[in-house]
Amino acid sequence: MSDWLFDLGNSRFKFAPLHGNNAGSVQAWAHGAETMTASALEALPQGGTAWVASVAAPALTEEVMRVLRERFVQVRMARTLPQCAGVTVAYARPEKFGVDRFLGLLAAVQSRQPVLVVGVGTALTIDLMDAGGLHRGGRIGASPTVMREALHARAVQLPATGGDYTEFANDTADALASGCDGAAVALVERSLRQAGELLGAVPQLLVHGGGAVPLLPLLPQAEHRPALVLDGLARWAVHHRIAER
């Protein structure tokens, strides 16, 4: 029976078959796990073991877990560990380090070089890891989408979506897109610069998440890794299988 990987985020739900040490072809609900209907949940795959990572609200997580338990022989929830598969987490309380960020590092450590992992979802997360797999810490900020939504909530005349990035915009929608995307890019660029000074070499930049695509033209040095968290979950699954033998 096949094993499957499930990544339940704050704004998207993704899943893929487990193929060796990596995720297979990824499927997703682009509009967020919160909008999943009962029929959509019932259309999920079934098999041997479901490996799950979730940063979603507890009620939603439990609902998805309930459905998966009905469809799989085993359901295993990933959690952040102080050390795992070559990664050492910087947090004094590793359980406070988001499992999605942790799994991104597990996938990235395979490159055996310093990396800056940037996740663009509901939050903008930035994590630095050296070539030895030691997590050096990170940042959390608002993603461009959340920035736009927050501005719209406080000033309804400012549109929550729309516009194109330009260096000096001549209309409001473009100015909002440029300001919010630019703020995220500036934080990434500063992090790269500071990481280079700390490690003595500029790290590889890996970008993932549902909001990553609009930022990629502004970060030409970035490698887009849309399945990074699921690939990390695959490594977590393989690590635990080996440890349990």
C-alpha atoms as a PDB file:
ATOM      1  CA  MET A   1       0.000   0.000   0.000  1.00  0.00           C
ATOM      2  CA  SER A   2       1.329   3.400  -0.914  1.00  0.00           C
ATOM      3  CA  ASP A   3       2.319   6.109   1.576  1.00  0.00           C
ATOM      4  CA  TRP A   4       1.270   9.740   1.118  1.00  0.00           C
ATOM      5  CA  LEU A   5       2.514  13.096   2.379  1.00  0.00           C
ATOM      6  CA  PHE A   6       0.118  15.842   3.526  1.00  0.00           C
ATOM      7  CA  ASP A   7       1.054  19.480   4.202  1.00  0.00           C
ATOM      8  CA  LEU A   8      -1.763  21.427   5.886  1.00  0.00           C
ATOM      9  CA  GLY A   9      -0.850  25.114   5.930  1.00  0.00           C
ATOM     10  CA  ASN A  10      -2.602  28.298   6.942  1.00  0.00           C
ATOM     11  CA  SER A  11      -3.643  29.039   3.375  1.00  0.00           C
ATOM     12  CA  ARG A  12      -3.063  25.899   1.262  1.00  0.00           C
ATOM     13  CA  PHE A  13      -3.428  22.144   1.546  1.00  0.00           C
ATOM     14  CA  LYS A  14      -0.965  20.065  -0.483  1.00  0.00           C
ATOM     15  CA  PHE A  15      -0.367  16.351  -0.795  1.00  0.00           C
ATOM     16  CA  ALA A  16       1.819  13.977  -2.786  1.00  0.00           C
ATOM     17  CA  PRO A  17       2.812  10.308  -2.849  1.00  0.00           C
ATOM     18  CA  LEU A  18       6.006   9.351  -1.043  1.00  0.00           C
ATOM     19  CA  HIS A  19       8.587   8.336  -3.662  1.00  0.00           C
ATOM     20  CA  GLY A  20      11.833   7.197  -2.060  1.00  0.00           C
ATOM     21  CA  ASN A  21      13.298  10.156  -0.158  1.00  0.00           C
ATOM     22  CA  ASN A  22      11.182  12.785  -1.897  1.00  0.00           C
ATOM     23  CA  ALA A  23       7.635  13.837  -2.677  1.00  0.00           C
ATOM     24  CA  GLY A  24       6.058  12.761  -5.939  1.00  0.00           C
ATOM     25  CA  SER A  25       3.649  14.806  -8.031  1.00  0.00           C
ATOM     26  CA  VAL A  26       2.012  17.462  -5.840  1.00  0.00           C
ATOM     27  CA  GLN A  27      -1.699  18.242  -5.748  1.00  0.00           C
ATOM     28  CA  ALA A  28      -3.135  21.254  -3.922  1.00  0.00           C
ATOM     29  CA  TRP A  29      -6.183  23.241  -3.023  1.00  0.00           C
ATOM     30  CA  ALA A  30      -5.040  26.694  -4.072  1.00  0.00           C
ATOM     31  CA  HIS A  31      -7.777  28.521  -2.180  1.00  0.00           C
ATOM     32  CA  GLY A  32      -6.841  27.179   1.210  1.00  0.00           C
ATOM     33  CA  ALA A  33      -7.648  24.250   3.408  1.00  0.00           C
ATOM     34  CA  GLU A  34     -10.355  26.293   5.141  1.00  0.00           C
ATOM     35  CA  THR A  35     -12.545  26.049   2.020  1.00  0.00           C
ATOM     36  CA  MET A  36     -12.341  22.264   1.619  1.00  0.00           C
ATOM     37  CA  THR A  37     -15.752  20.672   1.393  1.00  0.00           C
ATOM     38  CA  ALA A  38     -16.698  17.269   2.760  1.00  0.00           C
ATOM     39  CA  SER A  39     -16.714  15.853  -0.770  1.00  0.00           C
ATOM     40  CA  ALA A  40     -13.203  17.220  -1.381  1.00  0.00           C
ATOM     41  CA  LEU A  41     -11.939  15.591   1.803  1.00  0.00           C
ATOM     42  CA  GLU A  42     -13.539  12.311   0.825  1.00  0.00           C
ATOM     43  CA  ALA A  43     -11.710  12.461  -2.523  1.00  0.00           C
ATOM     44  CA  LEU A  44      -8.333  12.324  -0.781  1.00  0.00           C
ATOM     45  CA  PRO A  45      -6.146   9.278  -1.524  1.00  0.00           C
ATOM     46  CA  GLN A  46      -5.945   6.252   0.732  1.00  0.00           C
ATOM     47  CA  GLY A  47      -3.172   3.788   1.453  1.00  0.00           C
ATOM     48  CA  GLY A  48      -0.679   2.558   4.046  1.00  0.00           C
ATOM     49  CA  THR A  49       0.707   5.473   6.045  1.00  0.00           C
ATOM     50  CA  ALA A  50      -0.273   9.135   5.879  1.00  0.00           C
ATOM     51  CA  TRP A  51       2.572  11.425   6.954  1.00  0.00           C
ATOM     52  CA  VAL A  52       1.126  14.775   8.007  1.00  0.00           C
ATOM     53  CA  ALA A  53       2.555  18.224   8.757  1.00  0.00           C
ATOM     54  CA  SER A  54       0.181  20.937   9.944  1.00  0.00           C
ATOM     55  CA  VAL A  55       0.438  24.553  11.050  1.00  0.00           C
ATOM     56  CA  ALA A  56      -3.319  25.094  10.627  1.00  0.00           C
ATOM     57  CA  ALA A  57      -5.831  25.735  13.400  1.00  0.00           C
ATOM     58  CA  PRO A  58      -6.351  22.778  15.757  1.00  0.00           C
ATOM     59  CA  ALA A  59      -9.988  22.250  14.739  1.00  0.00           C
ATOM     60  CA  LEU A  60      -9.140  22.053  11.042  1.00  0.00           C
ATOM     61  CA  THR A  61      -6.127  19.832  11.735  1.00  0.00           C
ATOM     62  CA  GLU A  62      -8.261  17.405  13.715  1.00  0.00           C
ATOM     63  CA  GLU A  63     -10.915  17.278  10.986  1.00  0.00           C
ATOM     64  CA  VAL A  64      -8.308  16.393   8.353  1.00  0.00           C
ATOM     65  CA  MET A  65      -6.696  13.856  10.689  1.00  0.00           C
ATOM     66  CA  ARG A  66     -10.100  12.234  11.273  1.00  0.00           C
ATOM     67  CA  VAL A  67     -10.648  11.798   7.530  1.00  0.00           C
ATOM     68  CA  LEU A  68      -7.130  10.448   7.005  1.00  0.00           C
ATOM     69  CA  ARG A  69      -7.522   7.923   9.823  1.00  0.00           C
ATOM     70  CA  GLU A  70     -10.510   6.523   7.969  1.00  0.00           C
ATOM     71  CA  ARG A  71      -8.496   6.174   4.760  1.00  0.00           C
ATOM     72  CA  PHE A  72      -5.052   5.017   5.924  1.00  0.00           C
ATOM     73  CA  VAL A  73      -3.729   2.165   8.026  1.00  0.00           C
ATOM     74  CA  GLN A  74      -1.561   4.615   9.984  1.00  0.00           C
ATOM     75  CA  VAL A  75      -1.491   8.406  10.321  1.00  0.00           C
ATOM     76  CA  ARG A  76       1.754   9.937  11.593  1.00  0.00           C
ATOM     77  CA  MET A  77       2.093  13.606  12.534  1.00  0.00           C
ATOM     78  CA  ALA A  78       5.470  15.261  11.980  1.00  0.00           C
ATOM     79  CA  ARG A  79       6.901  17.432  14.726  1.00  0.00           C
ATOM     80  CA  THR A  80       9.989  19.553  15.124  1.00  0.00           C
ATOM     81  CA  LEU A  81      12.927  17.782  16.773  1.00  0.00           C
ATOM     82  CA  PRO A  82      16.114  19.333  18.233  1.00  0.00           C
ATOM     83  CA  GLN A  83      18.165  17.211  15.821  1.00  0.00           C
ATOM     84  CA  CYS A  84      17.038  15.147  12.859  1.00  0.00           C
ATOM     85  CA  ALA A  85      18.596  13.830   9.638  1.00  0.00           C
ATOM     86  CA  GLY A  86      21.555  16.218   9.758  1.00  0.00           C
ATOM     87  CA  VAL A  87      19.667  19.325  10.940  1.00  0.00           C
ATOM     88  CA  THR A  88      20.175  20.964  14.352  1.00  0.00           C
ATOM     89  CA  VAL A  89      17.553  23.556  15.310  1.00  0.00           C
ATOM     90  CA  ALA A  90      18.706  26.841  16.857  1.00  0.00           C
ATOM     91  CA  TYR A  91      15.684  27.372  19.090  1.00  0.00           C
ATOM     92  CA  ALA A  92      16.232  26.749  22.814  1.00  0.00           C
ATOM     93  CA  ARG A  93      12.694  25.286  22.764  1.00  0.00           C
ATOM     94  CA  PRO A  94      12.596  23.435  19.420  1.00  0.00           C
ATOM     95  CA  GLU A  95       8.895  22.628  19.816  1.00  0.00           C
ATOM     96  CA  LYS A  96       8.229  26.360  19.265  1.00  0.00           C
ATOM     97  CA  PHE A  97       9.913  26.239  15.838  1.00  0.00           C
ATOM     98  CA  GLY A  98       7.228  25.801  13.174  1.00  0.00           C
ATOM     99  CA  VAL A  99       7.159  22.321  11.688  1.00  0.00           C
ATOM    100  CA  ASP A 100       6.911  23.760   8.160  1.00  0.00           C
ATOM    101  CA  ARG A 101      10.131  25.721   8.685  1.00  0.00           C
ATOM    102  CA  PHE A 102      11.784  22.639  10.199  1.00  0.00           C
ATOM    103  CA  LEU A 103      10.795  20.448   7.250  1.00  0.00           C
ATOM    104  CA  GLY A 104      12.075  23.069   4.809  1.00  0.00           C
ATOM    105  CA  LEU A 105      15.489  22.775   6.481  1.00  0.00           C
ATOM    106  CA  LEU A 106      15.345  18.963   6.315  1.00  0.00           C
ATOM    107  CA  ALA A 107      14.869  19.188   2.552  1.00  0.00           C
ATOM    108  CA  ALA A 108      17.521  21.881   2.131  1.00  0.00           C
ATOM    109  CA  VAL A 109      20.256  20.151   4.151  1.00  0.00           C
ATOM    110  CA  GLN A 110      20.786  17.684   1.319  1.00  0.00           C
ATOM    111  CA  SER A 111      22.610  20.398  -0.666  1.00  0.00           C
ATOM    112  CA  ARG A 112      25.456  20.331   1.899  1.00  0.00           C
ATOM    113  CA  GLN A 113      25.981  24.075   1.539  1.00  0.00           C
ATOM    114  CA  PRO A 114      24.775  27.129   3.445  1.00  0.00           C
ATOM    115  CA  VAL A 115      21.173  27.974   2.587  1.00  0.00           C
ATOM    116  CA  LEU A 116      18.669  30.719   3.248  1.00  0.00           C
ATOM    117  CA  VAL A 117      15.186  29.201   3.134  1.00  0.00           C
ATOM    118  CA  VAL A 118      12.357  31.645   2.448  1.00  0.00           C
ATOM    119  CA  GLY A 119       8.721  30.628   2.792  1.00  0.00           C
ATOM    120  CA  VAL A 120       6.060  32.952   1.385  1.00  0.00           C
ATOM    121  CA  GLY A 121       2.634  31.981   2.643  1.00  0.00           C
ATOM    122  CA  THR A 122       0.467  33.668   5.243  1.00  0.00           C
ATOM    123  CA  ALA A 123       3.728  34.633   6.914  1.00  0.00           C
ATOM    124  CA  LEU A 124       7.088  35.428   5.355  1.00  0.00           C
ATOM    125  CA  THR A 125       9.627  33.145   7.040  1.00  0.00           C
ATOM    126  CA  ILE A 126      13.390  33.305   6.591  1.00  0.00           C
ATOM    127  CA  ASP A 127      15.778  30.715   8.031  1.00  0.00           C
ATOM    128  CA  LEU A 128      19.542  30.423   7.754  1.00  0.00           C
ATOM    129  CA  MET A 129      21.353  27.078   7.931  1.00  0.00           C
ATOM    130  CA  ASP A 130      25.088  26.558   7.540  1.00  0.00           C
ATOM    131  CA  ALA A 131      26.778  23.842   5.498  1.00  0.00           C
ATOM    132  CA  GLY A 132      26.945  21.553   8.536  1.00  0.00           C
ATOM    133  CA  GLY A 133      23.177  21.576   9.028  1.00  0.00           C
ATOM    134  CA  LEU A 134      23.208  23.978  11.985  1.00  0.00           C
ATOM    135  CA  HIS A 135      20.212  26.295  11.946  1.00  0.00           C
ATOM    136  CA  ARG A 136      21.474  29.815  12.724  1.00  0.00           C
ATOM    137  CA  GLY A 137      18.026  31.310  13.355  1.00  0.00           C
ATOM    138  CA  GLY A 138      15.552  33.232  11.274  1.00  0.00           C
ATOM    139  CA  ARG A 139      12.864  35.876  10.929  1.00  0.00           C
ATOM    140  CA  ILE A 140       9.075  35.944  10.643  1.00  0.00           C
ATOM    141  CA  GLY A 141       7.196  38.782   8.980  1.00  0.00           C
ATOM    142  CA  ALA A 142       3.953  39.412   7.163  1.00  0.00           C
ATOM    143  CA  SER A 143       3.747  38.145   3.601  1.00  0.00           C
ATOM    144  CA  PRO A 144       2.856  40.625   0.832  1.00  0.00           C
ATOM    145  CA  THR A 145      -0.664  39.159   0.728  1.00  0.00           C
ATOM    146  CA  VAL A 146      -1.187  39.785   4.443  1.00  0.00           C
ATOM    147  CA  MET A 147       0.281  43.292   4.137  1.00  0.00           C
ATOM    148  CA  ARG A 148      -2.256  44.095   1.434  1.00  0.00           C
ATOM    149  CA  GLU A 149      -5.127  42.618   3.440  1.00  0.00           C
ATOM    150  CA  ALA A 150      -4.109  44.541   6.573  1.00  0.00           C
ATOM    151  CA  LEU A 151      -3.957  47.842   4.687  1.00  0.00           C
ATOM    152  CA  HIS A 152      -7.335  47.172   3.102  1.00  0.00           C
ATOM    153  CA  ALA A 153      -8.833  46.341   6.515  1.00  0.00           C
ATOM    154  CA  ARG A 154      -7.667  49.683   7.918  1.00  0.00           C
ATOM    155  CA  ALA A 155      -8.352  51.748   4.782  1.00  0.00           C
ATOM    156  CA  VAL A 156     -11.020  50.153   2.605  1.00  0.00           C
ATOM    157  CA  GLN A 157     -10.208  52.435  -0.326  1.00  0.00           C
ATOM    158  CA  LEU A 158      -6.868  50.630  -0.710  1.00  0.00           C
ATOM    159  CA  PRO A 159      -7.500  47.496  -2.816  1.00  0.00           C
ATOM    160  CA  ALA A 160      -6.512  44.187  -1.243  1.00  0.00           C
ATOM    161  CA  THR A 161      -5.373  42.721  -4.579  1.00  0.00           C
ATOM    162  CA  GLY A 162      -4.238  43.837  -8.018  1.00  0.00           C
ATOM    163  CA  GLY A 163      -1.477  45.992  -9.402  1.00  0.00           C
ATOM    164  CA  ASP A 164       1.961  45.249 -10.821  1.00  0.00           C
ATOM    165  CA  TYR A 165       5.410  45.748  -9.370  1.00  0.00           C
ATOM    166  CA  THR A 166       7.270  48.778 -10.649  1.00  0.00           C
ATOM    167  CA  GLU A 167      10.079  50.739  -9.037  1.00  0.00           C
ATOM    168  CA  PHE A 168       8.123  54.012  -8.917  1.00  0.00           C
ATOM    169  CA  ALA A 169       4.414  53.457  -9.464  1.00  0.00           C
ATOM    170  CA  ASN A 170       2.021  56.078 -10.844  1.00  0.00           C
ATOM    171  CA  ASP A 171      -1.251  54.555  -9.576  1.00  0.00           C
ATOM    172  CA  THR A 172      -2.422  53.172  -6.243  1.00  0.00           C
ATOM    173  CA  ALA A 173      -2.743  49.488  -7.129  1.00  0.00           C
ATOM    174  CA  ASP A 174       0.763  49.358  -8.604  1.00  0.00           C
ATOM    175  CA  ALA A 175       2.118  51.339  -5.649  1.00  0.00           C
ATOM    176  CA  LEU A 176       0.627  48.827  -3.212  1.00  0.00           C
ATOM    177  CA  ALA A 177       1.985  45.844  -5.140  1.00  0.00           C
ATOM    178  CA  SER A 178       5.388  47.506  -5.378  1.00  0.00           C
ATOM    179  CA  GLY A 179       5.500  48.486  -1.727  1.00  0.00           C
ATOM    180  CA  CYS A 180       4.386  45.180  -0.267  1.00  0.00           C
ATOM    181  CA  ASP A 181       6.369  42.936  -2.631  1.00  0.00           C
ATOM    182  CA  GLY A 182       9.323  45.295  -2.302  1.00  0.00           C
ATOM    183  CA  ALA A 183       9.219  45.146   1.493  1.00  0.00           C
ATOM    184  CA  ALA A 184       9.405  41.345   1.401  1.00  0.00           C
ATOM    185  CA  VAL A 185      12.232  41.380  -1.140  1.00  0.00           C
ATOM    186  CA  ALA A 186      14.170  43.951   0.884  1.00  0.00           C
ATOM    187  CA  LEU A 187      13.989  41.741   3.988  1.00  0.00           C
ATOM    188  CA  VAL A 188      15.215  38.746   1.998  1.00  0.00           C
ATOM    189  CA  GLU A 189      18.049  40.771   0.465  1.00  0.00           C
ATOM    190  CA  ARG A 190      19.116  42.108   3.870  1.00  0.00           C
ATOM    191  CA  SER A 191      19.029  38.582   5.278  1.00  0.00           C
ATOM    192  CA  LEU A 192      21.223  37.332   2.431  1.00  0.00           C
ATOM    193  CA  ARG A 193      23.703  40.115   3.018  1.00  0.00           C
ATOM    194  CA  GLN A 194      23.833  39.541   6.774  1.00  0.00           C
ATOM    195  CA  ALA A 195      24.095  35.777   6.258  1.00  0.00           C
ATOM    196  CA  GLY A 196      27.052  36.257   3.947  1.00  0.00           C
ATOM    197  CA  GLU A 197      28.828  38.346   6.570  1.00  0.00           C
ATOM    198  CA  LEU A 198      28.077  35.788   9.297  1.00  0.00           C
ATOM    199  CA  LEU A 199      29.142  32.701   7.344  1.00  0.00           C
ATOM    200  CA  GLY A 200      31.799  34.213   5.091  1.00  0.00           C
ATOM    201  CA  ALA A 201      29.915  33.125   1.959  1.00  0.00           C
ATOM    202  CA  VAL A 202      26.548  34.074   0.502  1.00  0.00           C
ATOM    203  CA  PRO A 203      24.164  31.147   1.013  1.00  0.00           C
ATOM    204  CA  GLN A 204      22.033  29.500  -1.634  1.00  0.00           C
ATOM    205  CA  LEU A 205      18.580  31.105  -1.671  1.00  0.00           C
ATOM    206  CA  LEU A 206      15.634  28.672  -1.736  1.00  0.00           C
ATOM    207  CA  VAL A 207      12.106  30.077  -2.020  1.00  0.00           C
ATOM    208  CA  HIS A 208       8.835  28.197  -1.567  1.00  0.00           C
ATOM    209  CA  GLY A 209       5.206  28.821  -0.654  1.00  0.00           C
ATOM    210  CA  GLY A 210       2.006  29.859  -2.351  1.00  0.00           C
ATOM    211  CA  GLY A 211       3.032  33.525  -2.551  1.00  0.00           C
ATOM    212  CA  ALA A 212       6.528  32.919  -3.909  1.00  0.00           C
ATOM    213  CA  VAL A 213       5.908  33.336  -7.638  1.00  0.00           C
ATOM    214  CA  PRO A 214       5.424  37.155  -7.726  1.00  0.00           C
ATOM    215  CA  LEU A 215       8.707  37.635  -5.859  1.00  0.00           C
ATOM    216  CA  LEU A 216      10.850  35.412  -8.079  1.00  0.00           C
ATOM    217  CA  PRO A 217      11.493  38.022 -10.840  1.00  0.00           C
ATOM    218  CA  LEU A 218      12.753  40.345  -8.096  1.00  0.00           C
ATOM    219  CA  LEU A 219      15.109  37.682  -6.684  1.00  0.00           C
ATOM    220  CA  PRO A 220      16.973  36.388  -9.751  1.00  0.00           C
ATOM    221  CA  GLN A 221      19.427  34.433  -7.588  1.00  0.00           C
ATOM    222  CA  ALA A 222      16.632  32.395  -5.999  1.00  0.00           C
ATOM    223  CA  GLU A 223      15.864  28.750  -6.693  1.00  0.00           C
ATOM    224  CA  HIS A 224      12.139  28.071  -6.637  1.00  0.00           C
ATOM    225  CA  ARG A 225      11.365  24.897  -4.649  1.00  0.00           C
ATOM    226  CA  PRO A 226       7.544  24.669  -4.468  1.00  0.00           C
ATOM    227  CA  ALA A 227       7.560  21.169  -2.932  1.00  0.00           C
ATOM    228  CA  LEU A 228      10.234  21.935  -0.320  1.00  0.00           C
ATOM    229  CA  VAL A 229       8.070  21.227   2.757  1.00  0.00           C
ATOM    230  CA  LEU A 230       6.719  17.988   1.301  1.00  0.00           C
ATOM    231  CA  ASP A 231      10.255  16.912   0.365  1.00  0.00           C
ATOM    232  CA  GLY A 232      11.267  17.619   3.960  1.00  0.00           C
ATOM    233  CA  LEU A 233       8.303  15.600   5.205  1.00  0.00           C
ATOM    234  CA  ALA A 234       9.489  12.735   3.001  1.00  0.00           C
ATOM    235  CA  ARG A 235      12.901  12.887   4.677  1.00  0.00           C
ATOM    236  CA  TRP A 236      11.229  12.984   8.107  1.00  0.00           C
ATOM    237  CA  ALA A 237       9.222   9.870   7.200  1.00  0.00           C
ATOM    238  CA  VAL A 238      12.278   7.958   5.974  1.00  0.00           C
ATOM    239  CA  HIS A 239      14.289   8.991   9.058  1.00  0.00           C
ATOM    240  CA  HIS A 240      11.595   7.689  11.397  1.00  0.00           C
ATOM    241  CA  ARG A 241      11.199   4.435   9.509  1.00  0.00           C
ATOM    242  CA  ILE A 242      14.931   3.782   9.879  1.00  0.00           C
ATOM    243  CA  ALA A 243      14.947   4.806  13.551  1.00  0.00           C
ATOM    244  CA  GLU A 244      12.123   2.381  14.342  1.00  0.00           C
ATOM    245  CA  ARG A 245      13.788  -0.667  12.811  1.00  0.00           C
END
